Amino acid sequence: MYVDYLTERDTSGGGLSKMYYNYGDWVPPPPTPMCNSHLTASFAYIASTMQVAEIAKALGNTTDYDHYSGLASSLSKEFTSAFYSTSNGFYDSGLQTAQVLPFWLGAVPSGDQAIALENYLLNDIVVTHKGHLSTGIVGTKFLFEVLDQLGRTDLALQLAENFDYPSFGYMAVNNIEPATTFWELWDTPVEGPGMNSRNHIMFGSVGAWFYKTLAGIRTGDAYGAGGLRNVTFAPPNVLSGLSQVSASFNTLNGQVETSWKRTGGSVVCGQAAENYALELSCASIGASSGSVISSISFASYGTPSGHCNRYGYQSACHLNITQFVTNLCVGKDSCSFNASLATFGKDPCFDTFKRAYVQAVCTLPTKPALSLNVVVPVGSVSTVVLPRLEMSNIVVAESGNVIYRNGAFLSNVVDGVSFGTVTASSLVFNTSSGSYSFTASGAAPTYACTPGHVAENTAAPPSTGSQARTSPCRS
């Protein structure tokens, strides 16, 4: 078995720090260097060992399961011993890939070390790389999944939606050579004619994340002798940046389908040059009467770039003014402020002409917030996870029949639907095979933020679970 061969090489070769490797984290975006290939090879070895253990468990081979799961556990501990720098507080040289892989393995020790490493990784993405990835073929696949684990699906979505270098969007919209397929290199237009394929699926691993996270379809180990046994439908608990997704795929049992739409929210954007007023108004975008600004998804003073729904930072000239705008605008139908040093109290780059870009979401205090349609194939069952999206007094209906109200499940209302559990962030239902149409509505969150004029610097990005906080108001 290949894992046994790797174990033999690991034992005879001096351990994980000298693990045999080949290509490693191939072609990260220049000028980022490649991650330590001994580290990526060790990750592949441990991940393969974990997969063999899972296969043994599925086959009922307890002897092999105990052996390989135990081996994976000991190797994970060795991974941290070999590559973690206690003096620096991160793995290896600090590259994104080197932090992502141990998180995915579950190798990061819990407690303060995990929190510090999480903040380091988020800071590297948001601040050091201005909201961009710096990963190669291995790191890119697992970066999106790890951000989900850390409660930062919102940041993963930003990486997927970027259009400036390096990003998937840059491949498609750059003005040198717009792509129609995935490139082999992040910077294809400026490289030579050698190893530079214009039709290379290796960075297409993000497509699996589209299905699992954005569409919310998860199967895990749900396959058995009769085909697909169980499928989970779990739309992401993201309040802005994404309003609807649909997806489907074929199984031996038939087609699995899902489509969800988040309603009650409209994006409003504002821009202003330095020393001019920036205004946000729900009425200006035709939002329903009574709509108020409920969240701020982007706010920068400096030299931000892009357009509404595609804002980003392209230079070090960036001051995160999210807290300031949140405190000033959330809960109001409109607001305005002057984009200036006098307003924010800080200048992110002297002797540079600056501007402010803000993106917000307008919602009605009460309005249906989510609709989810699913098709569960014959012979299968499903778990439906409806995110709360910060709503209170939630009412859930299936095909117009109310099945959850006043904090309680109404039994025997719809054939094939039963109640699962309630968590702080979601409502869970179970279904048999068939087609179902769920809607969830409730009161939108209300905030009483104290207006303030203190801008928040990006040096300390939000930590775990920030996208699911109960209020955007922060002191």
Protein backbone atom coordinates (compact mmCIF):
# COMPACT_ATOMS: atom_id res chain seq x y z
CA MET A 1 0.00 0.00 0.00
CA TYR A 2 1.23 3.50 -0.87
CA VAL A 3 0.78 4.80 2.71
CA ASP A 4 2.95 1.93 3.98
CA TYR A 5 5.59 2.86 1.42
CA LEU A 6 5.52 6.48 2.66
CA THR A 7 5.76 5.26 6.26
CA GLU A 8 8.88 3.30 5.35
CA ARG A 9 10.43 6.35 3.67
CA ASP A 10 9.46 8.56 6.61
CA THR A 11 11.06 6.15 9.08
CA SER A 12 14.25 5.65 7.10
CA GLY A 13 14.55 9.21 5.81
CA GLY A 14 14.79 11.15 9.06
CA GLY A 15 11.16 12.04 9.82
CA LEU A 16 8.64 14.53 8.48
CA SER A 17 11.08 17.45 8.44
CA LYS A 18 12.96 15.61 5.68
CA MET A 19 9.95 13.96 4.03
CA TYR A 20 10.37 12.91 0.41
CA TYR A 21 8.65 15.30 -1.99
CA ASN A 22 8.15 16.09 -5.67
CA TYR A 23 6.32 19.22 -6.88
CA GLY A 24 5.10 20.63 -3.57
CA ASP A 25 2.70 23.61 -3.45
CA TRP A 26 3.15 24.18 -7.15
CA VAL A 27 3.19 27.70 -8.66
CA PRO A 28 2.02 30.14 -5.97
CA PRO A 29 1.47 33.65 -7.38
CA PRO A 30 4.75 35.57 -7.86
CA PRO A 31 6.46 37.07 -5.96
CA THR A 32 5.37 34.62 -3.23
CA PRO A 33 7.92 31.79 -2.78
CA MET A 34 6.81 28.18 -2.70
CA CYS A 35 5.95 26.68 0.67
CA ASN A 36 8.45 24.24 2.24
CA SER A 37 7.95 21.09 0.15
CA HIS A 38 8.82 18.81 3.08
CA LEU A 39 5.81 20.35 4.85
CA THR A 40 3.40 19.86 1.95
CA ALA A 41 4.64 16.30 1.39
CA SER A 42 4.15 15.55 5.09
CA PHE A 43 0.62 16.94 4.85
CA ALA A 44 -0.16 14.68 1.88
CA TYR A 45 1.21 11.67 3.77
CA ILE A 46 -0.90 12.38 6.85
CA ALA A 47 -4.04 13.18 4.81
CA SER A 48 -3.61 9.91 2.88
CA THR A 49 -3.22 8.00 6.16
CA MET A 50 -6.44 9.56 7.45
CA GLN A 51 -8.24 8.53 4.25
CA VAL A 52 -7.04 4.93 4.56
CA ALA A 53 -8.37 4.88 8.13
CA GLU A 54 -11.75 6.14 6.90
CA ILE A 55 -11.86 3.44 4.20
CA ALA A 56 -11.03 0.77 6.77
CA LYS A 57 -13.83 2.05 9.01
CA ALA A 58 -16.33 1.99 6.13
CA LEU A 59 -15.30 -1.62 5.36
CA GLY A 60 -15.64 -2.64 9.00
CA ASN A 61 -11.93 -3.48 9.29
CA THR A 62 -11.34 -2.39 12.88
CA THR A 63 -7.73 -3.62 12.96
CA ASP A 64 -6.66 -1.45 10.05
CA TYR A 65 -8.77 1.45 11.30
CA ASP A 66 -7.11 1.41 14.70
CA HIS A 67 -3.66 1.17 13.14
CA TYR A 68 -3.99 3.94 10.55
CA SER A 69 -6.03 6.33 12.70
CA GLY A 70 -3.42 5.95 15.44
CA LEU A 71 -0.64 6.54 12.93
CA ALA A 72 -2.37 9.69 11.61
CA SER A 73 -2.75 11.02 15.16
CA SER A 74 0.93 10.52 16.01
CA LEU A 75 2.02 11.99 12.68
CA SER A 76 -0.11 15.09 13.27
CA LYS A 77 1.71 15.70 16.54
CA GLU A 78 5.06 15.19 14.80
CA PHE A 79 3.98 17.67 12.11
CA THR A 80 3.68 20.44 14.69
CA SER A 81 6.96 19.46 16.33
CA ALA A 82 8.74 19.51 12.98
CA PHE A 83 7.35 22.70 11.46
CA TYR A 84 5.87 24.98 14.15
CA SER A 85 8.02 27.89 15.34
CA THR A 86 7.23 28.72 18.96
CA SER A 87 9.30 31.92 18.75
CA ASN A 88 7.40 33.20 15.70
CA GLY A 89 3.97 31.79 16.53
CA PHE A 90 3.38 30.26 13.10
CA TYR A 91 4.31 27.24 10.99
CA ASP A 92 7.52 27.22 8.96
CA SER A 93 8.22 30.55 7.19
CA GLY A 94 4.73 31.95 7.76
CA LEU A 95 3.25 31.43 4.28
CA GLN A 96 -0.52 30.97 4.00
CA THR A 97 -0.23 27.35 2.84
CA ALA A 98 1.93 26.45 5.83
CA GLN A 99 -0.82 27.64 8.22
CA VAL A 100 -3.79 26.28 6.28
CA LEU A 101 -2.62 22.67 6.05
CA PRO A 102 -2.18 22.01 9.80
CA PHE A 103 -5.57 23.62 10.45
CA TRP A 104 -7.16 21.23 7.95
CA LEU A 105 -5.39 18.24 9.53
CA GLY A 106 -6.52 19.26 13.01
CA ALA A 107 -2.85 19.34 14.00
CA VAL A 108 -2.90 22.81 15.58
CA PRO A 109 -2.90 22.53 19.38
CA SER A 110 -6.05 24.02 20.89
CA GLY A 111 -6.12 27.08 23.11
CA ASP A 112 -4.06 30.25 22.83
CA GLN A 113 -1.78 28.77 20.15
CA ALA A 114 -4.71 28.07 17.82
CA ILE A 115 -6.20 31.54 18.41
CA ALA A 116 -2.87 33.25 17.74
CA LEU A 117 -2.29 31.22 14.57
CA GLU A 118 -5.81 31.95 13.34
CA ASN A 119 -5.29 35.68 13.82
CA TYR A 120 -1.91 35.44 12.10
CA LEU A 121 -3.43 33.70 9.06
CA LEU A 122 -6.34 36.15 8.81
CA ASN A 123 -3.96 39.09 9.19
CA ASP A 124 -1.75 37.70 6.43
CA ILE A 125 -4.72 37.46 4.05
CA VAL A 126 -6.49 40.71 4.95
CA VAL A 127 -3.56 43.02 5.68
CA THR A 128 -0.30 41.62 4.31
CA HIS A 129 -1.85 40.49 1.02
CA LYS A 130 -4.68 43.07 0.93
CA GLY A 131 -7.46 40.48 0.89
CA HIS A 132 -5.78 38.04 -1.53
CA LEU A 133 -4.50 34.48 -1.48
CA SER A 134 -0.81 33.60 -1.90
CA THR A 135 -1.20 29.84 -2.29
CA GLY A 136 -0.21 27.26 -4.89
CA ILE A 137 -2.10 24.19 -6.05
CA VAL A 138 -2.18 22.48 -2.63
CA GLY A 139 -2.83 25.49 -0.42
CA THR A 140 -5.55 26.92 -2.67
CA LYS A 141 -7.73 23.81 -2.39
CA PHE A 142 -7.64 23.76 1.39
CA LEU A 143 -7.60 27.52 2.06
CA PHE A 144 -11.32 27.89 1.33
CA GLU A 145 -12.27 24.90 3.50
CA VAL A 146 -10.17 26.16 6.42
CA LEU A 147 -11.70 29.65 6.25
CA ASP A 148 -15.09 27.93 6.53
CA GLN A 149 -13.87 26.08 9.61
CA LEU A 150 -12.71 29.35 11.14
CA GLY A 151 -16.10 30.96 10.59
CA ARG A 152 -14.82 33.22 7.81
CA THR A 153 -16.84 32.11 4.80
CA ASP A 154 -17.28 35.83 4.14
CA LEU A 155 -13.52 36.18 3.62
CA ALA A 156 -13.38 33.04 1.46
CA LEU A 157 -16.14 34.55 -0.68
CA GLN A 158 -14.11 37.75 -1.05
CA LEU A 159 -11.12 35.72 -2.28
CA ALA A 160 -13.32 33.94 -4.81
CA GLU A 161 -14.83 37.23 -6.05
CA ASN A 162 -11.60 39.25 -6.36
CA PHE A 163 -10.78 40.48 -9.85
CA ASP A 164 -7.31 41.95 -9.34
CA TYR A 165 -4.06 39.99 -9.22
CA PRO A 166 -3.75 37.33 -7.93
CA SER A 167 -7.26 35.91 -8.25
CA PHE A 168 -9.56 33.79 -10.36
CA GLY A 169 -11.29 36.95 -11.53
CA TYR A 170 -7.99 38.39 -12.74
CA MET A 171 -7.69 35.46 -15.14
CA ALA A 172 -11.02 36.40 -16.71
CA VAL A 173 -10.97 40.21 -16.75
CA ASN A 174 -7.32 41.30 -17.07
CA ASN A 175 -6.75 43.63 -20.02
CA ILE A 176 -3.76 41.72 -21.40
CA GLU A 177 -5.19 38.27 -22.12
CA PRO A 178 -8.66 37.56 -20.70
CA ALA A 179 -9.03 33.83 -20.05
CA THR A 180 -11.88 31.51 -21.01
CA THR A 181 -10.48 28.54 -19.01
CA PHE A 182 -8.33 28.12 -15.90
CA TRP A 183 -4.66 28.98 -16.28
CA GLU A 184 -1.74 26.95 -14.99
CA LEU A 185 -0.11 30.12 -13.63
CA TRP A 186 -1.67 33.02 -11.73
CA ASP A 187 0.38 35.46 -13.88
CA THR A 188 0.13 33.77 -17.28
CA PRO A 189 0.09 36.97 -19.44
CA VAL A 190 3.50 38.14 -18.23
CA GLU A 191 5.27 34.76 -18.34
CA GLY A 192 7.06 33.20 -21.27
CA PRO A 193 5.80 30.54 -23.69
CA GLY A 194 7.26 27.59 -21.75
CA MET A 195 5.34 25.92 -18.92
CA ASN A 196 2.32 28.19 -19.22
CA SER A 197 -0.86 26.28 -20.07
CA ARG A 198 -4.04 28.26 -20.76
CA ASN A 199 -6.26 25.22 -20.11
CA HIS A 200 -5.26 23.73 -16.76
CA ILE A 201 -7.84 22.56 -14.23
CA MET A 202 -5.53 22.30 -11.20
CA PHE A 203 -6.79 25.54 -9.60
CA GLY A 204 -10.35 24.44 -10.35
CA SER A 205 -10.49 22.84 -6.90
CA VAL A 206 -12.44 25.93 -5.84
CA GLY A 207 -15.37 24.45 -7.77
CA ALA A 208 -15.88 21.83 -5.05
CA TRP A 209 -16.12 24.67 -2.52
CA PHE A 210 -18.85 26.27 -4.65
CA TYR A 211 -20.94 23.10 -4.29
CA LYS A 212 -20.15 22.30 -0.65
CA THR A 213 -20.26 25.78 0.84
CA LEU A 214 -21.96 28.27 -1.47
CA ALA A 215 -24.64 25.86 -2.69
CA GLY A 216 -24.51 24.10 0.68
CA ILE A 217 -24.65 20.51 -0.65
CA ARG A 218 -22.71 18.06 1.50
CA THR A 219 -22.62 14.28 1.28
CA GLY A 220 -19.57 13.30 3.35
CA ASP A 221 -19.59 9.53 3.95
CA ALA A 222 -23.28 9.31 3.07
CA TYR A 223 -22.82 6.74 0.27
CA GLY A 224 -23.64 3.06 0.82
CA ALA A 225 -24.41 -0.06 -1.15
CA GLY A 226 -27.69 1.48 -2.33
CA GLY A 227 -26.10 4.71 -3.53
CA LEU A 228 -26.58 8.08 -1.83
CA ARG A 229 -28.08 7.55 1.63
CA ASN A 230 -28.10 11.07 3.05
CA VAL A 231 -27.50 14.55 1.72
CA THR A 232 -27.24 17.77 3.72
CA PHE A 233 -28.47 21.11 2.40
CA ALA A 234 -26.91 23.99 4.36
CA PRO A 235 -26.89 27.47 2.76
CA PRO A 236 -24.05 29.61 4.15
CA ASN A 237 -24.72 31.92 7.06
CA VAL A 238 -23.40 34.95 5.16
CA LEU A 239 -25.30 38.22 5.41
CA SER A 240 -23.89 40.05 2.41
CA GLY A 241 -21.97 39.55 -0.80
CA LEU A 242 -24.14 36.68 -2.05
CA SER A 243 -27.90 36.62 -2.52
CA GLN A 244 -28.71 33.40 -4.39
CA VAL A 245 -27.18 30.11 -5.58
CA SER A 246 -28.48 27.07 -7.44
CA ALA A 247 -26.71 23.77 -8.11
CA SER A 248 -27.37 20.15 -8.99
CA PHE A 249 -25.54 16.89 -9.65
CA ASN A 250 -26.42 13.34 -10.62
CA THR A 251 -26.21 10.28 -8.35
CA LEU A 252 -27.10 6.61 -8.77
CA ASN A 253 -30.39 7.43 -7.01
CA GLY A 254 -31.23 10.39 -9.23
CA GLN A 255 -30.52 14.11 -9.33
CA VAL A 256 -29.78 16.18 -6.25
CA GLU A 257 -30.91 19.79 -6.62
CA THR A 258 -30.86 22.91 -4.51
CA SER A 259 -31.55 26.59 -5.01
CA TRP A 260 -31.60 29.20 -2.28
CA LYS A 261 -32.27 32.91 -2.30
CA ARG A 262 -31.75 35.43 0.46
CA THR A 263 -34.31 38.22 0.23
CA GLY A 264 -34.91 41.36 2.18
CA GLY A 265 -31.47 42.77 1.52
CA SER A 266 -30.22 45.18 -1.16
CA VAL A 267 -26.65 46.34 -1.64
CA VAL A 268 -25.99 50.08 -1.52
CA CYS A 269 -22.59 51.59 -2.26
CA GLY A 270 -21.05 55.01 -1.83
CA GLN A 271 -17.83 56.65 -3.01
CA ALA A 272 -16.27 59.99 -2.22
CA ALA A 273 -13.00 61.73 -2.99
CA GLU A 274 -10.93 63.12 -0.15
CA ASN A 275 -12.63 66.04 1.66
CA TYR A 276 -15.97 65.33 -0.01
CA ALA A 277 -19.14 63.85 1.51
CA LEU A 278 -20.01 60.16 1.09
CA GLU A 279 -23.71 59.34 1.34
CA LEU A 280 -25.47 56.01 1.76
CA SER A 281 -29.22 55.89 1.17
CA CYS A 282 -31.51 52.88 0.96
CA ALA A 283 -34.02 54.96 -1.01
CA SER A 284 -31.41 55.71 -3.68
CA ILE A 285 -31.33 52.06 -4.81
CA GLY A 286 -35.10 51.59 -4.73
CA ALA A 287 -35.08 49.45 -1.58
CA SER A 288 -38.51 48.70 -0.11
CA SER A 289 -40.04 51.49 1.94
CA GLY A 290 -38.93 51.21 5.55
CA SER A 291 -35.58 49.59 4.74
CA VAL A 292 -32.63 50.48 6.93
CA ILE A 293 -28.89 49.90 6.70
CA SER A 294 -28.31 46.61 8.53
CA SER A 295 -24.64 45.79 7.90
CA ILE A 296 -21.43 47.13 6.37
CA SER A 297 -19.59 44.66 4.14
CA PHE A 298 -16.76 46.93 2.93
CA ALA A 299 -15.41 50.27 4.09
CA SER A 300 -11.98 51.67 3.20
CA TYR A 301 -10.31 55.08 3.21
CA GLY A 302 -7.15 55.37 1.13
CA THR A 303 -6.82 54.07 -2.42
CA PRO A 304 -9.43 51.28 -2.67
CA SER A 305 -10.28 49.93 -6.11
CA GLY A 306 -13.06 48.19 -8.00
CA HIS A 307 -16.76 48.81 -8.24
CA CYS A 308 -19.89 48.08 -6.21
CA ASN A 309 -19.97 44.39 -5.17
CA ARG A 310 -16.31 44.13 -6.23
CA TYR A 311 -14.41 46.51 -3.98
CA GLY A 312 -10.88 45.68 -2.86
CA TYR A 313 -7.54 47.17 -1.83
CA GLN A 314 -4.57 47.23 -4.19
CA SER A 315 -1.95 49.02 -2.11
CA ALA A 316 -0.78 49.62 1.44
CA CYS A 317 -2.81 52.84 1.52
CA HIS A 318 -5.83 51.46 3.35
CA LEU A 319 -7.58 52.40 6.58
CA ASN A 320 -10.40 50.08 7.64
CA ILE A 321 -13.29 52.40 8.55
CA THR A 322 -15.86 49.61 9.01
CA GLN A 323 -16.38 50.31 12.70
CA PHE A 324 -16.82 54.02 12.12
CA VAL A 325 -19.40 53.52 9.34
CA THR A 326 -21.18 50.78 11.30
CA ASN A 327 -21.57 52.98 14.36
CA LEU A 328 -22.72 55.92 12.27
CA CYS A 329 -25.06 54.25 9.78
CA VAL A 330 -26.47 50.89 10.93
CA GLY A 331 -30.16 51.18 11.83
CA LYS A 332 -30.72 54.29 9.70
CA ASP A 333 -32.27 54.66 6.25
CA SER A 334 -29.46 57.02 5.19
CA CYS A 335 -26.27 58.56 6.53
CA SER A 336 -23.35 60.67 5.34
CA PHE A 337 -19.88 61.68 6.44
CA ASN A 338 -16.90 63.61 5.14
CA ALA A 339 -14.02 61.51 3.78
CA SER A 340 -11.15 63.27 5.48
CA LEU A 341 -8.37 63.12 8.04
CA ALA A 342 -10.50 65.25 10.35
CA THR A 343 -13.25 62.60 10.29
CA PHE A 344 -11.13 59.49 10.82
CA GLY A 345 -8.22 60.87 12.84
CA LYS A 346 -5.67 58.90 10.81
CA ASP A 347 -3.99 59.27 7.42
CA PRO A 348 -3.10 55.89 5.86
CA CYS A 349 -0.69 57.47 3.34
CA PHE A 350 0.54 61.05 3.45
CA ASP A 351 1.01 63.00 0.20
CA THR A 352 -1.43 60.68 -1.62
CA PHE A 353 -4.84 61.67 -2.91
CA LYS A 354 -7.31 59.44 -1.13
CA ARG A 355 -10.94 58.35 -1.43
CA ALA A 356 -13.49 56.38 0.57
CA TYR A 357 -15.48 53.39 -0.73
CA VAL A 358 -18.30 51.83 1.31
CA GLN A 359 -20.64 48.93 0.62
CA ALA A 360 -23.64 48.28 2.87
CA VAL A 361 -26.80 46.17 2.95
CA CYS A 362 -30.32 47.61 3.32
CA THR A 363 -33.03 45.38 4.78
CA LEU A 364 -36.61 45.70 5.97
CA PRO A 365 -37.16 45.27 9.71
CA THR A 366 -39.48 42.36 8.89
CA LYS A 367 -39.42 40.45 5.61
CA PRO A 368 -39.01 36.85 4.39
CA ALA A 369 -35.27 36.34 4.57
CA LEU A 370 -34.54 32.98 2.98
CA SER A 371 -36.11 30.55 0.55
CA LEU A 372 -34.65 27.09 -0.09
CA ASN A 373 -35.84 24.56 -2.67
CA VAL A 374 -34.37 21.04 -2.60
CA VAL A 375 -34.83 17.77 -4.44
CA VAL A 376 -33.89 14.60 -2.53
CA PRO A 377 -33.54 11.54 -4.83
CA VAL A 378 -35.44 8.29 -4.34
CA GLY A 379 -34.02 6.07 -1.62
CA SER A 380 -32.26 8.97 0.11
CA VAL A 381 -33.02 11.23 3.05
CA SER A 382 -31.81 14.74 3.78
CA THR A 383 -30.83 17.10 6.56
CA VAL A 384 -31.89 20.69 5.90
CA VAL A 385 -29.97 23.37 7.80
CA LEU A 386 -31.61 26.80 7.63
CA PRO A 387 -29.30 29.61 8.79
CA ARG A 388 -30.87 32.14 11.15
CA LEU A 389 -29.19 35.09 9.39
CA GLU A 390 -29.49 36.99 12.69
CA MET A 391 -33.32 36.92 12.55
CA SER A 392 -35.51 36.70 15.61
CA ASN A 393 -39.11 35.39 15.94
CA ILE A 394 -38.46 33.02 13.05
CA VAL A 395 -41.31 31.34 11.19
CA VAL A 396 -40.50 28.42 8.86
CA ALA A 397 -42.90 27.09 6.24
CA GLU A 398 -42.73 24.25 3.72
CA SER A 399 -44.79 24.84 0.56
CA GLY A 400 -46.76 27.47 2.46
CA ASN A 401 -47.50 25.24 5.48
CA VAL A 402 -46.02 26.59 8.72
CA ILE A 403 -43.84 23.95 10.42
CA TYR A 404 -41.96 26.10 12.97
CA ARG A 405 -43.24 29.08 14.94
CA ASN A 406 -42.83 30.61 18.41
CA GLY A 407 -39.74 28.52 19.02
CA ALA A 408 -41.53 25.20 18.48
CA PHE A 409 -41.86 22.63 15.67
CA LEU A 410 -45.43 21.92 14.52
CA SER A 411 -45.58 18.16 13.98
CA ASN A 412 -47.66 16.23 11.44
CA VAL A 413 -48.12 19.27 9.20
CA VAL A 414 -46.10 18.13 6.18
CA ASP A 415 -45.49 14.49 5.24
CA GLY A 416 -41.82 13.65 5.04
CA VAL A 417 -40.56 16.53 7.22
CA SER A 418 -39.51 16.13 10.84
CA PHE A 419 -37.77 18.47 13.25
CA GLY A 420 -34.10 18.06 14.12
CA THR A 421 -32.44 20.59 16.39
CA VAL A 422 -32.08 24.29 17.11
CA THR A 423 -28.66 25.92 17.40
CA ALA A 424 -27.56 29.50 17.94
CA SER A 425 -27.04 29.91 14.20
CA SER A 426 -29.52 27.53 12.51
CA LEU A 427 -32.70 25.46 12.49
CA VAL A 428 -32.32 21.83 11.41
CA PHE A 429 -35.01 19.67 9.76
CA ASN A 430 -35.00 16.13 8.35
CA THR A 431 -36.77 14.98 5.19
CA SER A 432 -37.42 11.84 3.22
CA SER A 433 -37.01 11.74 -0.57
CA GLY A 434 -39.00 14.23 -2.63
CA SER A 435 -39.15 17.92 -3.51
CA TYR A 436 -39.44 20.53 -0.78
CA SER A 437 -39.76 24.31 -0.69
CA PHE A 438 -38.77 25.98 2.59
CA THR A 439 -39.11 29.63 3.55
CA ALA A 440 -37.80 31.29 6.70
CA SER A 441 -38.92 34.74 7.78
CA GLY A 442 -38.53 36.81 10.90
CA ALA A 443 -37.58 40.10 12.42
CA ALA A 444 -34.32 41.56 11.20
CA PRO A 445 -31.73 42.46 13.86
CA THR A 446 -31.97 45.87 15.47
CA TYR A 447 -28.90 47.70 16.65
CA ALA A 448 -28.39 50.64 18.94
CA CYS A 449 -24.89 51.70 18.03
CA THR A 450 -23.38 54.76 19.63
CA PRO A 451 -22.11 57.08 16.90
CA GLY A 452 -18.34 57.33 17.07
CA HIS A 453 -15.43 58.67 15.12
CA VAL A 454 -12.73 56.13 15.91
CA ALA A 455 -11.49 54.25 12.85
CA GLU A 456 -10.43 50.63 13.19
CA ASN A 457 -7.02 49.65 11.82
CA THR A 458 -6.73 46.34 9.97
CA ALA A 459 -3.81 45.10 12.06
CA ALA A 460 -6.16 42.98 14.17
CA PRO A 461 -8.77 41.33 11.91
CA PRO A 462 -11.84 39.69 13.44
CA SER A 463 -11.22 36.25 14.88
CA THR A 464 -13.24 33.04 14.77
CA GLY A 465 -16.95 33.34 14.13
CA SER A 466 -16.92 37.05 13.38
CA GLN A 467 -19.38 36.69 10.52
CA ALA A 468 -21.95 35.17 12.90
CA ARG A 469 -21.73 37.82 15.60
CA THR A 470 -25.08 39.00 16.91
CA SER A 471 -24.33 42.66 16.26
CA PRO A 472 -21.90 44.53 14.02
CA CYS A 473 -21.48 47.21 16.69
CA ARG A 474 -18.07 46.97 18.28
CA SER A 475 -16.43 49.13 20.92
